């Protein structure tokens, strides 16, 4: 059997309302703190995580392209050096310029 106690019901209702008010105050404090932090970061001209990641990806792509171009230049220089050696190793033909 359940007995009704007006006093306990009132205390329970008061606690429930207090928890709602506390939650609202917590949310409001978090929003205020977030706006202050955002303003401070904006004043310091700092980048966001998304901007940082975008620039990081661009730098990585540029580094990979630079490595590929360096390898291509090295291959072309090696090919050119091999062609120069072939020209030096060819015998002079009689009547050719430089003979």
C-alpha atoms as a PDB file:
ATOM      1  CA  UNK A   1       0.000   0.000   0.000  1.00  0.00           C
ATOM      2  CA  UNK A   2       1.248   3.427  -0.906  1.00  0.00           C
ATOM      3  CA  UNK A   3       0.813   6.446   1.302  1.00  0.00           C
ATOM      4  CA  UNK A   4       0.766   9.952  -0.051  1.00  0.00           C
ATOM      5  CA  UNK A   5       2.980  12.398   1.668  1.00  0.00           C
ATOM      6  CA  UNK A   6       2.564  15.958   0.412  1.00  0.00           C
ATOM      7  CA  UNK A   7       5.841  17.060   1.982  1.00  0.00           C
ATOM      8  CA  UNK A   8       7.899  14.383   0.166  1.00  0.00           C
ATOM      9  CA  UNK A   9       6.103  15.119  -3.095  1.00  0.00           C
ATOM     10  CA  UNK A  10       6.942  18.811  -2.743  1.00  0.00           C
ATOM     11  CA  UNK A  11      10.600  18.047  -1.949  1.00  0.00           C
ATOM     12  CA  UNK A  12      10.783  15.719  -4.960  1.00  0.00           C
ATOM     13  CA  UNK A  13       9.252  18.359  -7.238  1.00  0.00           C
ATOM     14  CA  UNK A  14      11.618  21.008  -5.862  1.00  0.00           C
ATOM     15  CA  UNK A  15      14.671  18.796  -6.524  1.00  0.00           C
ATOM     16  CA  UNK A  16      13.492  18.056 -10.056  1.00  0.00           C
ATOM     17  CA  UNK A  17      13.066  21.763 -10.774  1.00  0.00           C
ATOM     18  CA  UNK A  18      16.444  22.549  -9.200  1.00  0.00           C
ATOM     19  CA  UNK A  19      18.139  19.981 -11.447  1.00  0.00           C
ATOM     20  CA  UNK A  20      16.510  21.568 -14.498  1.00  0.00           C
ATOM     21  CA  UNK A  21      17.688  25.020 -13.442  1.00  0.00           C
ATOM     22  CA  UNK A  22      21.201  23.685 -12.758  1.00  0.00           C
ATOM     23  CA  UNK A  23      21.323  22.048 -16.195  1.00  0.00           C
ATOM     24  CA  UNK A  24      20.206  25.290 -17.831  1.00  0.00           C
ATOM     25  CA  UNK A  25      22.830  27.264 -15.908  1.00  0.00           C
ATOM     26  CA  UNK A  26      25.503  24.736 -16.918  1.00  0.00           C
ATOM     27  CA  UNK A  27      24.547  25.021 -20.595  1.00  0.00           C
ATOM     28  CA  UNK A  28      24.530  28.817 -20.415  1.00  0.00           C
ATOM     29  CA  UNK A  29      27.940  28.880 -18.708  1.00  0.00           C
ATOM     30  CA  UNK A  30      29.382  26.534 -21.338  1.00  0.00           C
ATOM     31  CA  UNK A  31      28.056  28.704 -24.160  1.00  0.00           C
ATOM     32  CA  UNK A  32      29.442  31.862 -22.543  1.00  0.00           C
ATOM     33  CA  UNK A  33      32.846  30.255 -21.999  1.00  0.00           C
ATOM     34  CA  UNK A  34      32.921  28.944 -25.560  1.00  0.00           C
ATOM     35  CA  UNK A  35      32.167  32.387 -26.981  1.00  0.00           C
ATOM     36  CA  UNK A  36      34.912  33.960 -24.831  1.00  0.00           C
ATOM     37  CA  UNK A  37      37.438  31.329 -25.939  1.00  0.00           C
ATOM     38  CA  UNK A  38      36.395  31.729 -29.595  1.00  0.00           C
ATOM     39  CA  UNK A  39      36.819  35.506 -29.335  1.00  0.00           C
ATOM     40  CA  UNK A  40      40.269  35.153 -27.743  1.00  0.00           C
ATOM     41  CA  UNK A  41      41.370  32.702 -30.438  1.00  0.00           C
ATOM     42  CA  UNK A  42      40.037  34.976 -33.178  1.00  0.00           C
ATOM     43  CA  UNK A  43      41.942  37.917 -31.691  1.00  0.00           C
ATOM     44  CA  UNK A  44      45.134  35.848 -31.721  1.00  0.00           C
ATOM     45  CA  UNK A  45      44.611  35.053 -35.425  1.00  0.00           C
ATOM     46  CA  UNK A  46      44.926  31.306 -34.844  1.00  0.00           C
ATOM     47  CA  UNK A  47      43.744  28.795 -37.426  1.00  0.00           C
ATOM     48  CA  UNK A  48      41.027  26.237 -36.937  1.00  0.00           C
ATOM     49  CA  UNK A  49      41.679  22.504 -37.009  1.00  0.00           C
ATOM     50  CA  UNK A  50      40.003  22.276 -40.429  1.00  0.00           C
ATOM     51  CA  UNK A  51      42.221  25.014 -41.883  1.00  0.00           C
ATOM     52  CA  UNK A  52      45.316  23.376 -40.399  1.00  0.00           C
ATOM     53  CA  UNK A  53      44.404  19.966 -41.839  1.00  0.00           C
ATOM     54  CA  UNK A  54      43.735  21.496 -45.279  1.00  0.00           C
ATOM     55  CA  UNK A  55      47.139  23.211 -45.380  1.00  0.00           C
ATOM     56  CA  UNK A  56      48.788  20.065 -44.054  1.00  0.00           C
ATOM     57  CA  UNK A  57      47.262  18.024 -46.904  1.00  0.00           C
ATOM     58  CA  UNK A  58      48.427  20.617 -49.446  1.00  0.00           C
ATOM     59  CA  UNK A  59      51.960  20.515 -48.026  1.00  0.00           C
ATOM     60  CA  UNK A  60      51.992  16.709 -48.169  1.00  0.00           C
ATOM     61  CA  UNK A  61      50.841  16.766 -51.802  1.00  0.00           C
ATOM     62  CA  UNK A  62      53.511  19.353 -52.659  1.00  0.00           C
ATOM     63  CA  UNK A  63      56.187  17.230 -50.965  1.00  0.00           C
ATOM     64  CA  UNK A  64      55.107  14.139 -52.931  1.00  0.00           C
ATOM     65  CA  UNK A  65      55.131  16.114 -56.185  1.00  0.00           C
ATOM     66  CA  UNK A  66      58.574  17.507 -55.326  1.00  0.00           C
ATOM     67  CA  UNK A  67      59.907  13.989 -54.683  1.00  0.00           C
ATOM     68  CA  UNK A  68      58.468  12.756 -57.992  1.00  0.00           C
ATOM     69  CA  UNK A  69      59.973  15.680 -59.899  1.00  0.00           C
ATOM     70  CA  UNK A  70      63.353  15.164 -58.207  1.00  0.00           C
ATOM     71  CA  UNK A  71      63.339  11.524 -59.281  1.00  0.00           C
ATOM     72  CA  UNK A  72      62.380  12.538 -62.818  1.00  0.00           C
ATOM     73  CA  UNK A  73      65.205  15.101 -62.983  1.00  0.00           C
ATOM     74  CA  UNK A  74      67.704  12.539 -61.689  1.00  0.00           C
ATOM     75  CA  UNK A  75      66.587  10.045 -64.357  1.00  0.00           C
ATOM     76  CA  UNK A  76      66.866  12.661 -67.110  1.00  0.00           C
ATOM     77  CA  UNK A  77      70.315  13.737 -65.886  1.00  0.00           C
ATOM     78  CA  UNK A  78      71.469  10.110 -65.843  1.00  0.00           C
ATOM     79  CA  UNK A  79      70.116   9.609 -69.350  1.00  0.00           C
ATOM     80  CA  UNK A  80      71.834  12.787 -70.518  1.00  0.00           C
ATOM     81  CA  UNK A  81      75.123  11.752 -68.898  1.00  0.00           C
ATOM     82  CA  UNK A  82      74.892   8.368 -70.649  1.00  0.00           C
ATOM     83  CA  UNK A  83      74.258  10.067 -73.996  1.00  0.00           C
ATOM     84  CA  UNK A  84      77.293  12.331 -73.474  1.00  0.00           C
ATOM     85  CA  UNK A  85      79.492   9.285 -72.804  1.00  0.00           C
ATOM     86  CA  UNK A  86      78.260   7.631 -76.015  1.00  0.00           C
ATOM     87  CA  UNK A  87      79.177  10.738 -78.010  1.00  0.00           C
ATOM     88  CA  UNK A  88      82.654  10.824 -76.450  1.00  0.00           C
ATOM     89  CA  UNK A  89      83.188   7.090 -77.096  1.00  0.00           C
ATOM     90  CA  UNK A  90      82.341   7.271 -80.830  1.00  0.00           C
ATOM     91  CA  UNK A  91      85.352   7.223 -83.112  1.00  0.00           C
ATOM     92  CA  UNK A  92      85.954  10.205 -85.325  1.00  0.00           C
ATOM     93  CA  UNK A  93      85.141   9.553 -88.957  1.00  0.00           C
ATOM     94  CA  UNK A  94      87.531  10.825 -91.529  1.00  0.00           C
ATOM     95  CA  UNK A  95      86.228  14.003 -93.050  1.00  0.00           C
ATOM     96  CA  UNK A  96      83.849  14.705 -90.180  1.00  0.00           C
ATOM     97  CA  UNK A  97      84.018  18.080 -88.473  1.00  0.00           C
ATOM     98  CA  UNK A  98      86.557  18.063 -85.717  1.00  0.00           C
ATOM     99  CA  UNK A  99      88.661  15.280 -87.294  1.00  0.00           C
END
